Amino acid sequence: MKILLIDDEELDVFIAQRLLSLEYDITGITSHEQALHWAKENHFDVVLIDYYLNKGKLGNQLLRDLIAIKGPVFKAFLLTNYIDSKEHDKLKQDGFQGIIDKPLTLEKFKTCMTLE
């Protein structure tokens, strides 16, 4: 399984890559623009997107852009510290299969994948 992780915090990307690379092929990217460039040239099965990205961008905006490039051929999960139930429902409508509370762990990721 190929995972694309986008988070504007370099430390969060580093840690998530170290954890998930124990069992998965993962690429970590720290900006919206880099993610779109990478996605045009590469395949991924799952995308993990931080809710708040740099330059005022939100994760659901990036998801829309990725779907425009690739189509809905991948699973998408949002990474966040807090989302209320109203926002949670909206994010599901935007195309996220689930929400993973930060900090990301291998166990949390596996749990989300088994719920699908």
N, C-alpha and C. Protein backbone atom coordinates (compact mmCIF):
# COMPACT_ATOMS: atom_id res chain seq x y z
N MET A 1 0.84 -1.18 0.00
CA MET A 1 0.00 0.00 0.00
C MET A 1 0.89 1.24 0.00
N LYS A 2 0.58 2.16 -0.87
CA LYS A 2 1.33 3.42 -0.99
C LYS A 2 0.53 4.53 -0.32
N ILE A 3 1.17 5.22 0.63
CA ILE A 3 0.52 6.29 1.38
C ILE A 3 1.19 7.62 1.06
N LEU A 4 0.36 8.63 0.84
CA LEU A 4 0.82 10.01 0.70
C LEU A 4 0.37 10.76 1.94
N LEU A 5 1.32 11.38 2.63
CA LEU A 5 1.04 12.16 3.84
C LEU A 5 1.38 13.61 3.58
N ILE A 6 0.44 14.51 3.88
CA ILE A 6 0.69 15.94 3.72
C ILE A 6 0.41 16.64 5.04
N ASP A 7 1.45 17.27 5.58
CA ASP A 7 1.34 18.02 6.83
C ASP A 7 2.38 19.12 6.75
N ASP A 8 2.01 20.34 7.10
CA ASP A 8 2.96 21.45 6.98
C ASP A 8 3.99 21.47 8.10
N GLU A 9 3.81 20.63 9.12
CA GLU A 9 4.79 20.53 10.21
C GLU A 9 5.81 19.44 9.86
N GLU A 10 7.05 19.85 9.60
CA GLU A 10 8.08 18.89 9.20
C GLU A 10 8.30 17.80 10.24
N LEU A 11 8.25 18.15 11.52
CA LEU A 11 8.44 17.15 12.57
C LEU A 11 7.31 16.11 12.53
N ASP A 12 6.08 16.54 12.32
CA ASP A 12 4.96 15.60 12.22
C ASP A 12 5.14 14.66 11.03
N VAL A 13 5.60 15.19 9.92
CA VAL A 13 5.85 14.35 8.73
C VAL A 13 6.94 13.34 9.03
N PHE A 14 8.03 13.80 9.65
CA PHE A 14 9.15 12.92 9.97
C PHE A 14 8.69 11.77 10.86
N ILE A 15 7.97 12.09 11.92
CA ILE A 15 7.53 11.07 12.87
C ILE A 15 6.56 10.09 12.20
N ALA A 16 5.59 10.62 11.46
CA ALA A 16 4.62 9.76 10.80
C ALA A 16 5.30 8.84 9.78
N GLN A 17 6.26 9.36 9.06
CA GLN A 17 6.98 8.53 8.10
C GLN A 17 7.72 7.41 8.80
N ARG A 18 8.37 7.73 9.89
CA ARG A 18 9.10 6.70 10.64
C ARG A 18 8.16 5.61 11.14
N LEU A 19 7.02 6.01 11.67
CA LEU A 19 6.07 5.04 12.21
C LEU A 19 5.45 4.17 11.12
N LEU A 20 4.90 4.81 10.10
CA LEU A 20 4.18 4.06 9.07
C LEU A 20 5.10 3.29 8.14
N SER A 21 6.35 3.74 8.00
CA SER A 21 7.28 3.03 7.11
C SER A 21 7.68 1.66 7.66
N LEU A 22 7.32 1.39 8.90
CA LEU A 22 7.58 0.06 9.46
C LEU A 22 6.76 -1.00 8.71
N GLU A 23 5.62 -0.59 8.16
CA GLU A 23 4.76 -1.56 7.47
C GLU A 23 4.25 -1.10 6.10
N TYR A 24 4.46 0.17 5.76
CA TYR A 24 3.89 0.70 4.52
C TYR A 24 4.93 1.52 3.75
N ASP A 25 4.63 1.72 2.47
CA ASP A 25 5.43 2.60 1.62
C ASP A 25 4.80 3.99 1.75
N ILE A 26 5.52 4.94 2.34
CA ILE A 26 4.94 6.26 2.62
C ILE A 26 5.83 7.37 2.08
N THR A 27 5.19 8.38 1.52
CA THR A 27 5.86 9.60 1.09
C THR A 27 5.27 10.76 1.87
N GLY A 28 6.12 11.56 2.50
CA GLY A 28 5.67 12.71 3.26
C GLY A 28 6.00 14.01 2.55
N ILE A 29 5.06 14.91 2.52
CA ILE A 29 5.20 16.20 1.84
C ILE A 29 4.69 17.29 2.77
N THR A 30 5.33 18.48 2.69
CA THR A 30 4.99 19.54 3.63
C THR A 30 4.24 20.73 3.04
N SER A 31 3.79 20.64 1.80
CA SER A 31 3.02 21.76 1.26
C SER A 31 1.98 21.29 0.25
N HIS A 32 0.94 22.08 0.14
CA HIS A 32 -0.16 21.85 -0.79
C HIS A 32 0.38 21.74 -2.22
N GLU A 33 1.20 22.70 -2.61
CA GLU A 33 1.72 22.75 -3.97
C GLU A 33 2.61 21.55 -4.29
N GLN A 34 3.49 21.19 -3.36
CA GLN A 34 4.36 20.03 -3.57
C GLN A 34 3.53 18.76 -3.70
N ALA A 35 2.48 18.65 -2.90
CA ALA A 35 1.62 17.46 -2.94
C ALA A 35 0.96 17.32 -4.31
N LEU A 36 0.47 18.41 -4.85
CA LEU A 36 -0.18 18.35 -6.17
C LEU A 36 0.82 17.98 -7.25
N HIS A 37 2.00 18.55 -7.19
CA HIS A 37 3.05 18.22 -8.17
C HIS A 37 3.41 16.73 -8.08
N TRP A 38 3.61 16.23 -6.86
CA TRP A 38 3.96 14.83 -6.66
C TRP A 38 2.84 13.91 -7.15
N ALA A 39 1.59 14.27 -6.84
CA ALA A 39 0.45 13.43 -7.19
C ALA A 39 0.28 13.29 -8.71
N LYS A 40 0.66 14.31 -9.45
CA LYS A 40 0.55 14.24 -10.91
C LYS A 40 1.43 13.15 -11.49
N GLU A 41 2.54 12.87 -10.83
CA GLU A 41 3.53 11.93 -11.35
C GLU A 41 3.55 10.57 -10.66
N ASN A 42 2.80 10.41 -9.57
CA ASN A 42 2.91 9.20 -8.76
C ASN A 42 1.56 8.63 -8.38
N HIS A 43 1.57 7.34 -8.05
CA HIS A 43 0.37 6.64 -7.59
C HIS A 43 0.37 6.57 -6.07
N PHE A 44 -0.81 6.61 -5.48
CA PHE A 44 -0.96 6.36 -4.04
C PHE A 44 -2.34 5.75 -3.81
N ASP A 45 -2.43 4.95 -2.76
CA ASP A 45 -3.68 4.28 -2.41
C ASP A 45 -4.44 5.01 -1.32
N VAL A 46 -3.69 5.68 -0.45
CA VAL A 46 -4.26 6.37 0.70
C VAL A 46 -3.58 7.72 0.84
N VAL A 47 -4.36 8.73 1.17
CA VAL A 47 -3.78 10.04 1.47
C VAL A 47 -4.19 10.43 2.89
N LEU A 48 -3.23 10.93 3.64
CA LEU A 48 -3.44 11.46 4.98
C LEU A 48 -3.14 12.95 4.91
N ILE A 49 -4.12 13.78 5.23
CA ILE A 49 -3.96 15.22 5.07
C ILE A 49 -4.24 15.92 6.39
N ASP A 50 -3.32 16.77 6.80
CA ASP A 50 -3.52 17.60 7.98
C ASP A 50 -4.64 18.60 7.68
N TYR A 51 -5.44 18.91 8.69
CA TYR A 51 -6.56 19.84 8.48
C TYR A 51 -6.10 21.25 8.15
N TYR A 52 -5.17 21.77 8.93
CA TYR A 52 -4.65 23.12 8.69
C TYR A 52 -3.30 23.02 8.01
N LEU A 53 -3.22 23.52 6.79
CA LEU A 53 -1.96 23.52 6.05
C LEU A 53 -1.42 24.94 5.97
N ASN A 54 -0.20 25.07 5.47
CA ASN A 54 0.42 26.39 5.36
C ASN A 54 -0.32 27.28 4.37
N LYS A 55 -0.07 28.57 4.46
CA LYS A 55 -0.66 29.58 3.58
C LYS A 55 -2.19 29.61 3.66
N GLY A 56 -2.74 29.27 4.84
CA GLY A 56 -4.17 29.36 5.03
C GLY A 56 -5.01 28.32 4.32
N LYS A 57 -4.39 27.29 3.79
CA LYS A 57 -5.13 26.24 3.08
C LYS A 57 -5.65 25.22 4.09
N LEU A 58 -6.78 24.64 3.75
CA LEU A 58 -7.36 23.59 4.57
C LEU A 58 -7.26 22.25 3.86
N GLY A 59 -7.28 21.18 4.63
CA GLY A 59 -7.15 19.84 4.08
C GLY A 59 -8.22 19.48 3.07
N ASN A 60 -9.45 19.97 3.28
CA ASN A 60 -10.51 19.62 2.32
C ASN A 60 -10.28 20.29 0.96
N GLN A 61 -9.62 21.46 0.95
CA GLN A 61 -9.27 22.09 -0.32
C GLN A 61 -8.27 21.22 -1.08
N LEU A 62 -7.27 20.72 -0.36
CA LEU A 62 -6.27 19.86 -0.98
C LEU A 62 -6.90 18.58 -1.48
N LEU A 63 -7.80 18.00 -0.71
CA LEU A 63 -8.46 16.78 -1.17
C LEU A 63 -9.21 17.02 -2.47
N ARG A 64 -9.93 18.12 -2.58
CA ARG A 64 -10.63 18.44 -3.84
C ARG A 64 -9.64 18.53 -5.00
N ASP A 65 -8.49 19.16 -4.77
CA ASP A 65 -7.49 19.29 -5.82
C ASP A 65 -6.90 17.93 -6.21
N LEU A 66 -6.67 17.07 -5.23
CA LEU A 66 -6.14 15.74 -5.53
C LEU A 66 -7.15 14.90 -6.32
N ILE A 67 -8.41 14.99 -5.94
CA ILE A 67 -9.46 14.27 -6.68
C ILE A 67 -9.56 14.78 -8.11
N ALA A 68 -9.38 16.09 -8.30
CA ALA A 68 -9.41 16.65 -9.65
C ALA A 68 -8.28 16.09 -10.51
N ILE A 69 -7.15 15.80 -9.90
CA ILE A 69 -5.99 15.26 -10.63
C ILE A 69 -6.13 13.76 -10.87
N LYS A 70 -6.47 13.02 -9.82
CA LYS A 70 -6.43 11.55 -9.85
C LYS A 70 -7.79 10.89 -10.02
N GLY A 71 -8.86 11.61 -9.70
CA GLY A 71 -10.16 10.96 -9.60
C GLY A 71 -10.30 10.37 -8.20
N PRO A 72 -11.46 9.83 -7.89
CA PRO A 72 -11.67 9.28 -6.54
C PRO A 72 -11.18 7.83 -6.42
N VAL A 73 -9.91 7.61 -6.71
CA VAL A 73 -9.36 6.25 -6.74
C VAL A 73 -8.52 5.93 -5.50
N PHE A 74 -8.58 6.77 -4.50
CA PHE A 74 -7.79 6.56 -3.29
C PHE A 74 -8.66 6.84 -2.07
N LYS A 75 -8.23 6.33 -0.93
CA LYS A 75 -8.91 6.61 0.33
C LYS A 75 -8.26 7.84 0.96
N ALA A 76 -9.08 8.68 1.58
CA ALA A 76 -8.57 9.91 2.19
C ALA A 76 -8.96 9.99 3.66
N PHE A 77 -7.97 10.33 4.48
CA PHE A 77 -8.19 10.50 5.91
C PHE A 77 -7.64 11.85 6.33
N LEU A 78 -8.36 12.50 7.21
CA LEU A 78 -7.94 13.80 7.73
C LEU A 78 -7.22 13.61 9.05
N LEU A 79 -6.11 14.33 9.22
CA LEU A 79 -5.37 14.34 10.49
C LEU A 79 -5.67 15.65 11.20
N THR A 80 -6.03 15.58 12.46
CA THR A 80 -6.35 16.81 13.18
C THR A 80 -6.25 16.61 14.68
N ASN A 81 -6.18 17.73 15.38
CA ASN A 81 -6.20 17.71 16.84
C ASN A 81 -7.62 17.79 17.37
N TYR A 82 -8.50 18.49 16.64
CA TYR A 82 -9.88 18.63 17.10
C TYR A 82 -10.80 19.02 15.95
N ILE A 83 -11.89 18.29 15.83
CA ILE A 83 -12.96 18.61 14.89
C ILE A 83 -14.28 18.35 15.62
N ASP A 84 -15.19 19.32 15.56
CA ASP A 84 -16.49 19.08 16.20
C ASP A 84 -17.36 18.22 15.27
N SER A 85 -18.47 17.71 15.80
CA SER A 85 -19.29 16.76 15.04
C SER A 85 -19.90 17.39 13.78
N LYS A 86 -20.21 18.67 13.83
CA LYS A 86 -20.75 19.36 12.66
C LYS A 86 -19.72 19.40 11.53
N GLU A 87 -18.50 19.76 11.87
CA GLU A 87 -17.41 19.81 10.89
C GLU A 87 -17.07 18.40 10.40
N HIS A 88 -17.14 17.43 11.28
CA HIS A 88 -16.86 16.03 10.93
C HIS A 88 -17.78 15.58 9.80
N ASP A 89 -19.08 15.88 9.91
CA ASP A 89 -20.04 15.50 8.87
C ASP A 89 -19.73 16.19 7.54
N LYS A 90 -19.36 17.45 7.59
CA LYS A 90 -19.02 18.19 6.37
C LYS A 90 -17.79 17.57 5.69
N LEU A 91 -16.79 17.21 6.49
CA LEU A 91 -15.57 16.63 5.93
C LEU A 91 -15.85 15.27 5.28
N LYS A 92 -16.76 14.51 5.84
CA LYS A 92 -17.16 13.25 5.20
C LYS A 92 -17.80 13.54 3.84
N GLN A 93 -18.63 14.59 3.78
CA GLN A 93 -19.25 14.97 2.51
C GLN A 93 -18.21 15.42 1.50
N ASP A 94 -17.11 16.00 1.98
CA ASP A 94 -16.03 16.45 1.10
C ASP A 94 -15.22 15.29 0.53
N GLY A 95 -15.39 14.08 1.10
CA GLY A 95 -14.71 12.92 0.54
C GLY A 95 -13.77 12.20 1.49
N PHE A 96 -13.64 12.66 2.71
CA PHE A 96 -12.78 11.95 3.66
C PHE A 96 -13.52 10.72 4.19
N GLN A 97 -12.83 9.57 4.18
CA GLN A 97 -13.43 8.35 4.71
C GLN A 97 -13.43 8.34 6.23
N GLY A 98 -12.50 9.09 6.82
CA GLY A 98 -12.42 9.12 8.27
C GLY A 98 -11.50 10.21 8.76
N ILE A 99 -11.49 10.36 10.06
CA ILE A 99 -10.65 11.36 10.71
C ILE A 99 -9.78 10.65 11.74
N ILE A 100 -8.49 10.95 11.70
CA ILE A 100 -7.54 10.36 12.64
C ILE A 100 -7.04 11.47 13.54
N ASP A 101 -7.26 11.30 14.84
CA ASP A 101 -6.80 12.29 15.80
C ASP A 101 -5.28 12.25 15.90
N LYS A 102 -4.68 13.43 15.95
CA LYS A 102 -3.24 13.53 16.18
C LYS A 102 -2.96 13.31 17.65
N PRO A 103 -1.84 12.78 18.00
CA PRO A 103 -0.76 12.36 17.11
C PRO A 103 -1.07 11.04 16.40
N LEU A 104 -0.62 10.94 15.17
CA LEU A 104 -0.81 9.74 14.37
C LEU A 104 0.02 8.60 14.94
N THR A 105 -0.58 7.44 15.02
CA THR A 105 0.16 6.23 15.41
C THR A 105 -0.16 5.14 14.41
N LEU A 106 0.66 4.14 14.37
CA LEU A 106 0.44 3.00 13.49
C LEU A 106 -0.89 2.33 13.84
N GLU A 107 -1.17 2.22 15.12
CA GLU A 107 -2.42 1.59 15.56
C GLU A 107 -3.65 2.39 15.11
N LYS A 108 -3.61 3.72 15.24
CA LYS A 108 -4.74 4.54 14.80
C LYS A 108 -4.95 4.39 13.29
N PHE A 109 -3.87 4.37 12.54
CA PHE A 109 -3.99 4.21 11.09
C PHE A 109 -4.60 2.86 10.75
N LYS A 110 -4.12 1.80 11.36
CA LYS A 110 -4.64 0.47 11.09
C LYS A 110 -6.12 0.37 11.46
N THR A 111 -6.50 0.99 12.57
CA THR A 111 -7.90 0.97 12.98
C THR A 111 -8.78 1.63 11.93
N CYS A 112 -8.37 2.79 11.42
CA CYS A 112 -9.15 3.48 10.39
C CYS A 112 -9.25 2.63 9.14
N MET A 113 -8.20 1.96 8.78
CA MET A 113 -8.21 1.16 7.56
C MET A 113 -9.13 -0.06 7.71
N THR A 114 -9.22 -0.61 8.91
CA THR A 114 -10.08 -1.79 9.10
C THR A 114 -11.55 -1.41 9.21
N LEU A 115 -11.85 -0.16 9.51
CA LEU A 115 -13.23 0.29 9.60
C LEU A 115 -13.83 0.50 8.21
N GLU A 116 -12.99 0.55 7.21
CA GLU A 116 -13.47 0.82 5.84
C GLU A 116 -14.08 -0.41 5.23
